Amino acid sequence: MKKTDFTVTFGRRIADLRLSRKLSQESLAEMCDITPHAVSLIETGNRFPRMETLIKISNVFGITVNDLFDFTKCEINIEDMQNGIDKMSEVIKSDKVKTVALYNFLKNLINL
């Protein structure tokens, strides 16, 4: 997976949650039934977890999956966000498969 501003911000959010609960990457990995390397990849923005893993992570932290995406305490560059939205718009216009995947992801995220 290509590292993006979103995956980096999401990774920071997971790391912040983990550290605020004084968990090691190894502990979080064990609780989520993934490898410590996978946790590292998520936290550095090099991998975005599957829905199943998002649910496990949110359960460990005692929050909803939607709360994992609460970036209000993260530093987000508005210009980078706009660029990301613009890129998504281009994909939606040109790639039906990715459009359906994005739609289903967002739909599932909202309906949890």
PDB file of N, CA and C in Angstrom:
ATOM      1  N   MET A   1       0.848  -1.181   0.000  1.00  0.00           N
ATOM      2  CA  MET A   1       0.000   0.000   0.000  1.00  0.00           C
ATOM      3  C   MET A   1       0.890   1.239   0.000  1.00  0.00           C
ATOM      4  N   LYS A   2       0.473   2.216  -0.743  1.00  0.00           N
ATOM      5  CA  LYS A   2       1.214   3.468  -0.810  1.00  0.00           C
ATOM      6  C   LYS A   2       0.880   4.325   0.416  1.00  0.00           C
ATOM      7  N   LYS A   3       1.912   4.861   1.049  1.00  0.00           N
ATOM      8  CA  LYS A   3       1.735   5.740   2.201  1.00  0.00           C
ATOM      9  C   LYS A   3       1.086   7.037   1.731  1.00  0.00           C
ATOM     10  N   THR A   4       0.045   7.475   2.434  1.00  0.00           N
ATOM     11  CA  THR A   4      -0.643   8.719   2.113  1.00  0.00           C
ATOM     12  C   THR A   4      -0.753   9.565   3.376  1.00  0.00           C
ATOM     13  N   ASP A   5      -1.164  10.820   3.206  1.00  0.00           N
ATOM     14  CA  ASP A   5      -1.373  11.683   4.374  1.00  0.00           C
ATOM     15  C   ASP A   5      -2.410  11.065   5.314  1.00  0.00           C
ATOM     16  N   PHE A   6      -3.439  10.458   4.724  1.00  0.00           N
ATOM     17  CA  PHE A   6      -4.482   9.848   5.547  1.00  0.00           C
ATOM     18  C   PHE A   6      -3.938   8.675   6.349  1.00  0.00           C
ATOM     19  N   THR A   7      -3.181   7.771   5.688  1.00  0.00           N
ATOM     20  CA  THR A   7      -2.689   6.601   6.412  1.00  0.00           C
ATOM     21  C   THR A   7      -1.674   6.999   7.485  1.00  0.00           C
ATOM     22  N   VAL A   8      -0.902   8.046   7.232  1.00  0.00           N
ATOM     23  CA  VAL A   8       0.051   8.535   8.233  1.00  0.00           C
ATOM     24  C   VAL A   8      -0.710   9.123   9.424  1.00  0.00           C
ATOM     25  N   THR A   9      -1.724   9.924   9.162  1.00  0.00           N
ATOM     26  CA  THR A   9      -2.521  10.517  10.239  1.00  0.00           C
ATOM     27  C   THR A   9      -3.241   9.433  11.029  1.00  0.00           C
ATOM     28  N   PHE A  10      -3.808   8.453  10.320  1.00  0.00           N
ATOM     29  CA  PHE A  10      -4.474   7.348  10.989  1.00  0.00           C
ATOM     30  C   PHE A  10      -3.473   6.580  11.850  1.00  0.00           C
ATOM     31  N   GLY A  11      -2.295   6.329  11.319  1.00  0.00           N
ATOM     32  CA  GLY A  11      -1.264   5.625  12.076  1.00  0.00           C
ATOM     33  C   GLY A  11      -0.864   6.360  13.341  1.00  0.00           C
ATOM     34  N   ARG A  12      -0.736   7.676  13.237  1.00  0.00           N
ATOM     35  CA  ARG A  12      -0.431   8.489  14.429  1.00  0.00           C
ATOM     36  C   ARG A  12      -1.533   8.354  15.473  1.00  0.00           C
ATOM     37  N   ARG A  13      -2.765   8.322  14.999  1.00  0.00           N
ATOM     38  CA  ARG A  13      -3.907   8.182  15.913  1.00  0.00           C
ATOM     39  C   ARG A  13      -3.823   6.862  16.673  1.00  0.00           C
ATOM     40  N   ILE A  14      -3.510   5.781  15.972  1.00  0.00           N
ATOM     41  CA  ILE A  14      -3.393   4.478  16.618  1.00  0.00           C
ATOM     42  C   ILE A  14      -2.231   4.486  17.613  1.00  0.00           C
ATOM     43  N   ALA A  15      -1.107   5.040  17.209  1.00  0.00           N
ATOM     44  CA  ALA A  15       0.050   5.113  18.110  1.00  0.00           C
ATOM     45  C   ALA A  15      -0.278   5.936  19.353  1.00  0.00           C
ATOM     46  N   ASP A  16      -0.960   7.071  19.171  1.00  0.00           N
ATOM     47  CA  ASP A  16      -1.337   7.909  20.314  1.00  0.00           C
ATOM     48  C   ASP A  16      -2.255   7.153  21.266  1.00  0.00           C
ATOM     49  N   LEU A  17      -3.240   6.445  20.715  1.00  0.00           N
ATOM     50  CA  LEU A  17      -4.145   5.661  21.554  1.00  0.00           C
ATOM     51  C   LEU A  17      -3.383   4.570  22.305  1.00  0.00           C
ATOM     52  N   ARG A  18      -2.488   3.898  21.602  1.00  0.00           N
ATOM     53  CA  ARG A  18      -1.707   2.818  22.215  1.00  0.00           C
ATOM     54  C   ARG A  18      -0.834   3.358  23.343  1.00  0.00           C
ATOM     55  N   LEU A  19      -0.134   4.448  23.066  1.00  0.00           N
ATOM     56  CA  LEU A  19       0.765   5.020  24.069  1.00  0.00           C
ATOM     57  C   LEU A  19       0.001   5.593  25.261  1.00  0.00           C
ATOM     58  N   SER A  20      -1.169   6.165  25.019  1.00  0.00           N
ATOM     59  CA  SER A  20      -1.958   6.717  26.122  1.00  0.00           C
ATOM     60  C   SER A  20      -2.431   5.628  27.081  1.00  0.00           C
ATOM     61  N   ARG A  21      -2.468   4.407  26.591  1.00  0.00           N
ATOM     62  CA  ARG A  21      -2.865   3.268  27.427  1.00  0.00           C
ATOM     63  C   ARG A  21      -1.656   2.446  27.866  1.00  0.00           C
ATOM     64  N   LYS A  22      -0.465   3.005  27.597  1.00  0.00           N
ATOM     65  CA  LYS A  22       0.803   2.389  28.004  1.00  0.00           C
ATOM     66  C   LYS A  22       0.942   0.956  27.493  1.00  0.00           C
ATOM     67  N   LEU A  23       0.540   0.758  26.241  1.00  0.00           N
ATOM     68  CA  LEU A  23       0.674  -0.551  25.600  1.00  0.00           C
ATOM     69  C   LEU A  23       1.877  -0.541  24.659  1.00  0.00           C
ATOM     70  N   SER A  24       2.559  -1.646  24.580  1.00  0.00           N
ATOM     71  CA  SER A  24       3.616  -1.801  23.587  1.00  0.00           C
ATOM     72  C   SER A  24       2.979  -2.238  22.271  1.00  0.00           C
ATOM     73  N   GLN A  25       3.745  -2.119  21.203  1.00  0.00           N
ATOM     74  CA  GLN A  25       3.244  -2.620  19.917  1.00  0.00           C
ATOM     75  C   GLN A  25       2.994  -4.123  20.006  1.00  0.00           C
ATOM     76  N   GLU A  26       3.833  -4.816  20.741  1.00  0.00           N
ATOM     77  CA  GLU A  26       3.676  -6.257  20.910  1.00  0.00           C
ATOM     78  C   GLU A  26       2.372  -6.588  21.626  1.00  0.00           C
ATOM     79  N   SER A  27       2.051  -5.820  22.678  1.00  0.00           N
ATOM     80  CA  SER A  27       0.810  -6.055  23.426  1.00  0.00           C
ATOM     81  C   SER A  27      -0.413  -5.823  22.549  1.00  0.00           C
ATOM     82  N   LEU A  28      -0.407  -4.709  21.821  1.00  0.00           N
ATOM     83  CA  LEU A  28      -1.534  -4.407  20.941  1.00  0.00           C
ATOM     84  C   LEU A  28      -1.670  -5.490  19.872  1.00  0.00           C
ATOM     85  N   ALA A  29      -0.549  -5.909  19.320  1.00  0.00           N
ATOM     86  CA  ALA A  29      -0.573  -6.953  18.294  1.00  0.00           C
ATOM     87  C   ALA A  29      -1.211  -8.228  18.839  1.00  0.00           C
ATOM     88  N   GLU A  30      -0.796  -8.622  20.016  1.00  0.00           N
ATOM     89  CA  GLU A  30      -1.333  -9.847  20.610  1.00  0.00           C
ATOM     90  C   GLU A  30      -2.842  -9.728  20.853  1.00  0.00           C
ATOM     91  N   MET A  31      -3.279  -8.581  21.351  1.00  0.00           N
ATOM     92  CA  MET A  31      -4.703  -8.373  21.627  1.00  0.00           C
ATOM     93  C   MET A  31      -5.548  -8.366  20.356  1.00  0.00           C
ATOM     94  N   CYS A  32      -4.939  -7.970  19.241  1.00  0.00           N
ATOM     95  CA  CYS A  32      -5.659  -7.871  17.967  1.00  0.00           C
ATOM     96  C   CYS A  32      -5.404  -9.068  17.052  1.00  0.00           C
ATOM     97  N   ASP A  33      -4.590  -9.997  17.522  1.00  0.00           N
ATOM     98  CA  ASP A  33      -4.265 -11.193  16.738  1.00  0.00           C
ATOM     99  C   ASP A  33      -3.603 -10.832  15.405  1.00  0.00           C
ATOM    100  N   ILE A  34      -2.664  -9.885  15.487  1.00  0.00           N
ATOM    101  CA  ILE A  34      -1.837  -9.517  14.336  1.00  0.00           C
ATOM    102  C   ILE A  34      -0.388  -9.507  14.808  1.00  0.00           C
ATOM    103  N   THR A  35       0.535  -9.312  13.892  1.00  0.00           N
ATOM    104  CA  THR A  35       1.941  -9.302  14.284  1.00  0.00           C
ATOM    105  C   THR A  35       2.371  -7.913  14.748  1.00  0.00           C
ATOM    106  N   PRO A  36       3.412  -7.843  15.582  1.00  0.00           N
ATOM    107  CA  PRO A  36       3.955  -6.534  15.954  1.00  0.00           C
ATOM    108  C   PRO A  36       4.409  -5.741  14.725  1.00  0.00           C
ATOM    109  N   HIS A  37       4.911  -6.449  13.715  1.00  0.00           N
ATOM    110  CA  HIS A  37       5.324  -5.773  12.480  1.00  0.00           C
ATOM    111  C   HIS A  37       4.124  -5.107  11.811  1.00  0.00           C
ATOM    112  N   ALA A  38       2.965  -5.775  11.829  1.00  0.00           N
ATOM    113  CA  ALA A  38       1.752  -5.186  11.243  1.00  0.00           C
ATOM    114  C   ALA A  38       1.360  -3.919  11.996  1.00  0.00           C
ATOM    115  N   VAL A  39       1.474  -3.946  13.324  1.00  0.00           N
ATOM    116  CA  VAL A  39       1.175  -2.743  14.116  1.00  0.00           C
ATOM    117  C   VAL A  39       2.118  -1.622  13.715  1.00  0.00           C
ATOM    118  N   SER A  40       3.391  -1.939  13.574  1.00  0.00           N
ATOM    119  CA  SER A  40       4.375  -0.935  13.165  1.00  0.00           C
ATOM    120  C   SER A  40       4.024  -0.350  11.797  1.00  0.00           C
ATOM    121  N   LEU A  41       3.662  -1.216  10.851  1.00  0.00           N
ATOM    122  CA  LEU A  41       3.296  -0.730   9.512  1.00  0.00           C
ATOM    123  C   LEU A  41       2.067   0.177   9.564  1.00  0.00           C
ATOM    124  N   ILE A  42       1.093  -0.179  10.390  1.00  0.00           N
ATOM    125  CA  ILE A  42      -0.110   0.657  10.535  1.00  0.00           C
ATOM    126  C   ILE A  42       0.269   2.008  11.133  1.00  0.00           C
ATOM    127  N   GLU A  43       1.051   1.987  12.200  1.00  0.00           N
ATOM    128  CA  GLU A  43       1.394   3.226  12.902  1.00  0.00           C
ATOM    129  C   GLU A  43       2.272   4.160  12.073  1.00  0.00           C
ATOM    130  N   THR A  44       3.019   3.624  11.146  1.00  0.00           N
ATOM    131  CA  THR A  44       3.861   4.467  10.294  1.00  0.00           C
ATOM    132  C   THR A  44       3.152   4.873   9.002  1.00  0.00           C
ATOM    133  N   GLY A  45       1.922   4.410   8.827  1.00  0.00           N
ATOM    134  CA  GLY A  45       1.160   4.791   7.639  1.00  0.00           C
ATOM    135  C   GLY A  45       1.476   3.971   6.405  1.00  0.00           C
ATOM    136  N   ASN A  46       2.193   2.881   6.581  1.00  0.00           N
ATOM    137  CA  ASN A  46       2.561   2.039   5.447  1.00  0.00           C
ATOM    138  C   ASN A  46       1.540   0.941   5.160  1.00  0.00           C
ATOM    139  N   ARG A  47       0.582   0.773   6.049  1.00  0.00           N
ATOM    140  CA  ARG A  47      -0.480  -0.207   5.842  1.00  0.00           C
ATOM    141  C   ARG A  47      -1.752   0.322   6.490  1.00  0.00           C
ATOM    142  N   PHE A  48      -2.862   0.066   5.827  1.00  0.00           N
ATOM    143  CA  PHE A  48      -4.156   0.407   6.413  1.00  0.00           C
ATOM    144  C   PHE A  48      -4.845  -0.907   6.756  1.00  0.00           C
ATOM    145  N   PRO A  49      -5.332  -1.035   7.991  1.00  0.00           N
ATOM    146  CA  PRO A  49      -5.896  -2.320   8.415  1.00  0.00           C
ATOM    147  C   PRO A  49      -7.228  -2.650   7.755  1.00  0.00           C
ATOM    148  N   ARG A  50      -7.509  -3.944   7.662  1.00  0.00           N
ATOM    149  CA  ARG A  50      -8.804  -4.418   7.185  1.00  0.00           C
ATOM    150  C   ARG A  50      -9.865  -4.081   8.216  1.00  0.00           C
ATOM    151  N   MET A  51     -11.121  -4.142   7.790  1.00  0.00           N
ATOM    152  CA  MET A  51     -12.232  -3.817   8.691  1.00  0.00           C
ATOM    153  C   MET A  51     -12.197  -4.708   9.937  1.00  0.00           C
ATOM    154  N   GLU A  52     -11.905  -5.966   9.746  1.00  0.00           N
ATOM    155  CA  GLU A  52     -11.831  -6.910  10.873  1.00  0.00           C
ATOM    156  C   GLU A  52     -10.811  -6.441  11.910  1.00  0.00           C
ATOM    157  N   THR A  53      -9.673  -5.953  11.450  1.00  0.00           N
ATOM    158  CA  THR A  53      -8.633  -5.470  12.352  1.00  0.00           C
ATOM    159  C   THR A  53      -9.033  -4.136  12.977  1.00  0.00           C
ATOM    160  N   LEU A  54      -9.692  -3.284  12.213  1.00  0.00           N
ATOM    161  CA  LEU A  54     -10.187  -2.019  12.781  1.00  0.00           C
ATOM    162  C   LEU A  54     -11.118  -2.291  13.958  1.00  0.00           C
ATOM    163  N   ILE A  55     -11.982  -3.278  13.798  1.00  0.00           N
ATOM    164  CA  ILE A  55     -12.921  -3.629  14.876  1.00  0.00           C
ATOM    165  C   ILE A  55     -12.155  -4.125  16.098  1.00  0.00           C
ATOM    166  N   LYS A  56     -11.170  -4.981  15.888  1.00  0.00           N
ATOM    167  CA  LYS A  56     -10.361  -5.497  17.004  1.00  0.00           C
ATOM    168  C   LYS A  56      -9.629  -4.360  17.715  1.00  0.00           C
ATOM    169  N   ILE A  57      -9.047  -3.453  16.940  1.00  0.00           N
ATOM    170  CA  ILE A  57      -8.316  -2.322  17.529  1.00  0.00           C
ATOM    171  C   ILE A  57      -9.265  -1.453  18.348  1.00  0.00           C
ATOM    172  N   SER A  58     -10.424  -1.149  17.780  1.00  0.00           N
ATOM    173  CA  SER A  58     -11.374  -0.304  18.515  1.00  0.00           C
ATOM    174  C   SER A  58     -11.835  -0.995  19.801  1.00  0.00           C
ATOM    175  N   ASN A  59     -12.014  -2.308  19.761  1.00  0.00           N
ATOM    176  CA  ASN A  59     -12.411  -3.045  20.967  1.00  0.00           C
ATOM    177  C   ASN A  59     -11.334  -2.983  22.042  1.00  0.00           C
ATOM    178  N   VAL A  60     -10.072  -3.083  21.639  1.00  0.00           N
ATOM    179  CA  VAL A  60      -8.971  -2.990  22.597  1.00  0.00           C
ATOM    180  C   VAL A  60      -9.003  -1.647  23.312  1.00  0.00           C
ATOM    181  N   PHE A  61      -9.279  -0.582  22.567  1.00  0.00           N
ATOM    182  CA  PHE A  61      -9.278   0.758  23.149  1.00  0.00           C
ATOM    183  C   PHE A  61     -10.623   1.135  23.774  1.00  0.00           C
ATOM    184  N   GLY A  62     -11.627   0.271  23.615  1.00  0.00           N
ATOM    185  CA  GLY A  62     -12.935   0.542  24.210  1.00  0.00           C
ATOM    186  C   GLY A  62     -13.657   1.696  23.542  1.00  0.00           C
ATOM    187  N   ILE A  63     -13.450   1.842  22.237  1.00  0.00           N
ATOM    188  CA  ILE A  63     -14.099   2.907  21.480  1.00  0.00           C
ATOM    189  C   ILE A  63     -14.733   2.305  20.227  1.00  0.00           C
ATOM    190  N   THR A  64     -15.492   3.095  19.513  1.00  0.00           N
ATOM    191  CA  THR A  64     -16.086   2.625  18.267  1.00  0.00           C
ATOM    192  C   THR A  64     -15.075   2.758  17.131  1.00  0.00           C
ATOM    193  N   VAL A  65     -15.353   2.045  16.049  1.00  0.00           N
ATOM    194  CA  VAL A  65     -14.501   2.191  14.868  1.00  0.00           C
ATOM    195  C   VAL A  65     -14.519   3.643  14.403  1.00  0.00           C
ATOM    196  N   ASN A  66     -15.685   4.274  14.434  1.00  0.00           N
ATOM    197  CA  ASN A  66     -15.760   5.690  14.034  1.00  0.00           C
ATOM    198  C   ASN A  66     -14.818   6.555  14.853  1.00  0.00           C
ATOM    199  N   ASP A  67     -14.701   6.247  16.154  1.00  0.00           N
ATOM    200  CA  ASP A  67     -13.816   7.035  17.018  1.00  0.00           C
ATOM    201  C   ASP A  67     -12.346   6.896  16.634  1.00  0.00           C
ATOM    202  N   LEU A  68     -11.988   5.803  15.977  1.00  0.00           N
ATOM    203  CA  LEU A  68     -10.610   5.662  15.508  1.00  0.00           C
ATOM    204  C   LEU A  68     -10.263   6.757  14.509  1.00  0.00           C
ATOM    205  N   PHE A  69     -11.291   7.294  13.861  1.00  0.00           N
ATOM    206  CA  PHE A  69     -11.085   8.305  12.826  1.00  0.00           C
ATOM    207  C   PHE A  69     -11.314   9.720  13.349  1.00  0.00           C
ATOM    208  N   ASP A  70     -11.320   9.879  14.668  1.00  0.00           N
ATOM    209  CA  ASP A  70     -11.455  11.201  15.268  1.00  0.00           C
ATOM    210  C   ASP A  70     -10.063  11.824  15.323  1.00  0.00           C
ATOM    211  N   PHE A  71      -9.763  12.611  14.311  1.00  0.00           N
ATOM    212  CA  PHE A  71      -8.439  13.217  14.190  1.00  0.00           C
ATOM    213  C   PHE A  71      -8.399  14.632  14.767  1.00  0.00           C
ATOM    214  N   THR A  72      -9.358  14.994  15.592  1.00  0.00           N
ATOM    215  CA  THR A  72      -9.421  16.369  16.086  1.00  0.00           C
ATOM    216  C   THR A  72      -8.189  16.755  16.890  1.00  0.00           C
ATOM    217  N   LYS A  73      -7.516  15.779  17.488  1.00  0.00           N
ATOM    218  CA  LYS A  73      -6.319  16.093  18.268  1.00  0.00           C
ATOM    219  C   LYS A  73      -5.046  15.888  17.457  1.00  0.00           C
ATOM    220  N   CYS A  74      -5.194  15.447  16.215  1.00  0.00           N
ATOM    221  CA  CYS A  74      -4.037  15.244  15.342  1.00  0.00           C
ATOM    222  C   CYS A  74      -3.791  16.509  14.534  1.00  0.00           C
ATOM    223  N   GLU A  75      -2.544  16.719  14.209  1.00  0.00           N
ATOM    224  CA  GLU A  75      -2.227  17.842  13.339  1.00  0.00           C
ATOM    225  C   GLU A  75      -2.489  17.430  11.900  1.00  0.00           C
ATOM    226  N   ILE A  76      -3.420  18.112  11.261  1.00  0.00           N
ATOM    227  CA  ILE A  76      -3.747  17.810   9.874  1.00  0.00           C
ATOM    228  C   ILE A  76      -3.559  19.073   9.053  1.00  0.00           C
ATOM    229  N   ASN A  77      -2.813  18.949   8.016  1.00  0.00           N
ATOM    230  CA  ASN A  77      -2.601  20.049   7.106  1.00  0.00           C
ATOM    231  C   ASN A  77      -3.814  20.117   6.174  1.00  0.00           C
ATOM    232  N   ILE A  78      -4.565  21.209   6.246  1.00  0.00           N
ATOM    233  CA  ILE A  78      -5.793  21.354   5.453  1.00  0.00           C
ATOM    234  C   ILE A  78      -5.504  21.247   3.962  1.00  0.00           C
ATOM    235  N   GLU A  79      -4.406  21.786   3.516  1.00  0.00           N
ATOM    236  CA  GLU A  79      -4.055  21.710   2.095  1.00  0.00           C
ATOM    237  C   GLU A  79      -3.830  20.248   1.677  1.00  0.00           C
ATOM    238  N   ASP A  80      -3.157  19.470   2.535  1.00  0.00           N
ATOM    239  CA  ASP A  80      -2.952  18.053   2.253  1.00  0.00           C
ATOM    240  C   ASP A  80      -4.283  17.309   2.207  1.00  0.00           C
ATOM    241  N   MET A  81      -5.187  17.663   3.126  1.00  0.00           N
ATOM    242  CA  MET A  81      -6.510  17.030   3.113  1.00  0.00           C
ATOM    243  C   MET A  81      -7.240  17.328   1.813  1.00  0.00           C
ATOM    244  N   GLN A  82      -7.210  18.569   1.381  1.00  0.00           N
ATOM    245  CA  GLN A  82      -7.880  18.946   0.145  1.00  0.00           C
ATOM    246  C   GLN A  82      -7.282  18.211  -1.044  1.00  0.00           C
ATOM    247  N   ASN A  83      -5.954  18.091  -1.070  1.00  0.00           N
ATOM    248  CA  ASN A  83      -5.305  17.336  -2.143  1.00  0.00           C
ATOM    249  C   ASN A  83      -5.759  15.885  -2.141  1.00  0.00           C
ATOM    250  N   GLY A  84      -5.886  15.291  -0.958  1.00  0.00           N
ATOM    251  CA  GLY A  84      -6.363  13.914  -0.854  1.00  0.00           C
ATOM    252  C   GLY A  84      -7.787  13.771  -1.359  1.00  0.00           C
ATOM    253  N   ILE A  85      -8.630  14.714  -1.010  1.00  0.00           N
ATOM    254  CA  ILE A  85     -10.020  14.696  -1.482  1.00  0.00           C
ATOM    255  C   ILE A  85     -10.062  14.849  -2.993  1.00  0.00           C
ATOM    256  N   ASP A  86      -9.230  15.722  -3.532  1.00  0.00           N
ATOM    257  CA  ASP A  86      -9.162  15.896  -4.986  1.00  0.00           C
ATOM    258  C   ASP A  86      -8.737  14.598  -5.679  1.00  0.00           C
ATOM    259  N   LYS A  87      -7.741  13.900  -5.105  1.00  0.00           N
ATOM    260  CA  LYS A  87      -7.286  12.632  -5.679  1.00  0.00           C
ATOM    261  C   LYS A  87      -8.410  11.592  -5.640  1.00  0.00           C
ATOM    262  N   MET A  88      -9.141  11.545  -4.516  1.00  0.00           N
ATOM    263  CA  MET A  88     -10.268  10.606  -4.422  1.00  0.00           C
ATOM    264  C   MET A  88     -11.313  10.915  -5.482  1.00  0.00           C
ATOM    265  N   SER A  89     -11.573  12.190  -5.703  1.00  0.00           N
ATOM    266  CA  SER A  89     -12.550  12.590  -6.720  1.00  0.00           C
ATOM    267  C   SER A  89     -12.129  12.106  -8.100  1.00  0.00           C
ATOM    268  N   GLU A  90     -10.846  12.211  -8.407  1.00  0.00           N
ATOM    269  CA  GLU A  90     -10.349  11.747  -9.702  1.00  0.00           C
ATOM    270  C   GLU A  90     -10.512  10.235  -9.846  1.00  0.00           C
ATOM    271  N   VAL A  91     -10.228   9.502  -8.765  1.00  0.00           N
ATOM    272  CA  VAL A  91     -10.392   8.045  -8.793  1.00  0.00           C
ATOM    273  C   VAL A  91     -11.855   7.693  -9.017  1.00  0.00           C
ATOM    274  N   ILE A  92     -12.745   8.385  -8.335  1.00  0.00           N
ATOM    275  CA  ILE A  92     -14.177   8.112  -8.476  1.00  0.00           C
ATOM    276  C   ILE A  92     -14.621   8.307  -9.922  1.00  0.00           C
ATOM    277  N   LYS A  93     -14.053   9.291 -10.580  1.00  0.00           N
ATOM    278  CA  LYS A  93     -14.424   9.557 -11.967  1.00  0.00           C
ATOM    279  C   LYS A  93     -13.860   8.516 -12.936  1.00  0.00           C
ATOM    280  N   SER A  94     -12.736   7.881 -12.573  1.00  0.00           N
ATOM    281  CA  SER A  94     -12.036   7.064 -13.559  1.00  0.00           C
ATOM    282  C   SER A  94     -11.960   5.570 -13.265  1.00  0.00           C
ATOM    283  N   ASP A  95     -12.269   5.132 -12.059  1.00  0.00           N
ATOM    284  CA  ASP A  95     -12.069   3.724 -11.723  1.00  0.00           C
ATOM    285  C   ASP A  95     -13.280   3.185 -10.971  1.00  0.00           C
ATOM    286  N   LYS A  96     -14.114   2.463 -11.675  1.00  0.00           N
ATOM    287  CA  LYS A  96     -15.361   1.958 -11.095  1.00  0.00           C
ATOM    288  C   LYS A  96     -15.104   1.008  -9.924  1.00  0.00           C
ATOM    289  N   VAL A  97     -14.119   0.134 -10.048  1.00  0.00           N
ATOM    290  CA  VAL A  97     -13.839  -0.837  -8.990  1.00  0.00           C
ATOM    291  C   VAL A  97     -13.418  -0.131  -7.702  1.00  0.00           C
ATOM    292  N   LYS A  98     -12.521   0.851  -7.824  1.00  0.00           N
ATOM    293  CA  LYS A  98     -12.084   1.591  -6.637  1.00  0.00           C
ATOM    294  C   LYS A  98     -13.215   2.449  -6.081  1.00  0.00           C
ATOM    295  N   THR A  99     -14.071   2.945  -6.940  1.00  0.00           N
ATOM    296  CA  THR A  99     -15.217   3.739  -6.489  1.00  0.00           C
ATOM    297  C   THR A  99     -16.141   2.887  -5.632  1.00  0.00           C
ATOM    298  N   VAL A 100     -16.434   1.684  -6.089  1.00  0.00           N
ATOM    299  CA  VAL A 100     -17.307   0.777  -5.339  1.00  0.00           C
ATOM    300  C   VAL A 100     -16.652   0.399  -4.006  1.00  0.00           C
ATOM    301  N   ALA A 101     -15.348   0.117  -4.027  1.00  0.00           N
ATOM    302  CA  ALA A 101     -14.633  -0.241  -2.803  1.00  0.00           C
ATOM    303  C   ALA A 101     -14.651   0.909  -1.801  1.00  0.00           C
ATOM    304  N   LEU A 102     -14.410   2.124  -2.274  1.00  0.00           N
ATOM    305  CA  LEU A 102     -14.432   3.295  -1.401  1.00  0.00           C
ATOM    306  C   LEU A 102     -15.826   3.515  -0.827  1.00  0.00           C
ATOM    307  N   TYR A 103     -16.829   3.404  -1.679  1.00  0.00           N
ATOM    308  CA  TYR A 103     -18.211   3.565  -1.229  1.00  0.00           C
ATOM    309  C   TYR A 103     -18.553   2.546  -0.145  1.00  0.00           C
ATOM    310  N   ASN A 104     -18.220   1.284  -0.391  1.00  0.00           N
ATOM    311  CA  ASN A 104     -18.536   0.231   0.585  1.00  0.00           C
ATOM    312  C   ASN A 104     -17.791   0.436   1.894  1.00  0.00           C
ATOM    313  N   PHE A 105     -16.530   0.863   1.809  1.00  0.00           N
ATOM    314  CA  PHE A 105     -15.768   1.135   3.026  1.00  0.00           C
ATOM    315  C   PHE A 105     -16.430   2.239   3.847  1.00  0.00           C
ATOM    316  N   LEU A 106     -16.756   3.348   3.194  1.00  0.00           N
ATOM    317  CA  LEU A 106     -17.372   4.465   3.895  1.00  0.00           C
ATOM    318  C   LEU A 106     -18.752   4.098   4.425  1.00  0.00           C
ATOM    319  N   LYS A 107     -19.512   3.355   3.650  1.00  0.00           N
ATOM    320  CA  LYS A 107     -20.839   2.911   4.079  1.00  0.00           C
ATOM    321  C   LYS A 107     -20.726   2.049   5.341  1.00  0.00           C
ATOM    322  N   ASN A 108     -19.790   1.104   5.345  1.00  0.00           N
ATOM    323  CA  ASN A 108     -19.588   0.251   6.512  1.00  0.00           C
ATOM    324  C   ASN A 108     -19.102   1.041   7.706  1.00  0.00           C
ATOM    325  N   LEU A 109     -18.270   2.013   7.466  1.00  0.00           N
ATOM    326  CA  LEU A 109     -17.745   2.840   8.543  1.00  0.00           C
ATOM    327  C   LEU A 109     -18.878   3.624   9.217  1.00  0.00           C
ATOM    328  N   ILE A 110     -19.753   4.149   8.438  1.00  0.00           N
ATOM    329  CA  ILE A 110     -20.850   4.956   8.972  1.00  0.00           C
ATOM    330  C   ILE A 110     -21.900   4.093   9.652  1.00  0.00           C
ATOM    331  N   ASN A 111     -22.127   2.891   9.139  1.00  0.00           N
ATOM    332  CA  ASN A 111     -23.187   2.022   9.670  1.00  0.00           C
ATOM    333  C   ASN A 111     -22.782   1.222  10.881  1.00  0.00           C
ATOM    334  N   LEU A 112     -21.540   1.320  11.325  1.00  0.00           N
ATOM    335  CA  LEU A 112     -21.136   0.529  12.493  1.00  0.00           C
ATOM    336  C   LEU A 112     -21.736   1.047  13.752  1.00  0.00           C
TER     337      LEU A 112
END
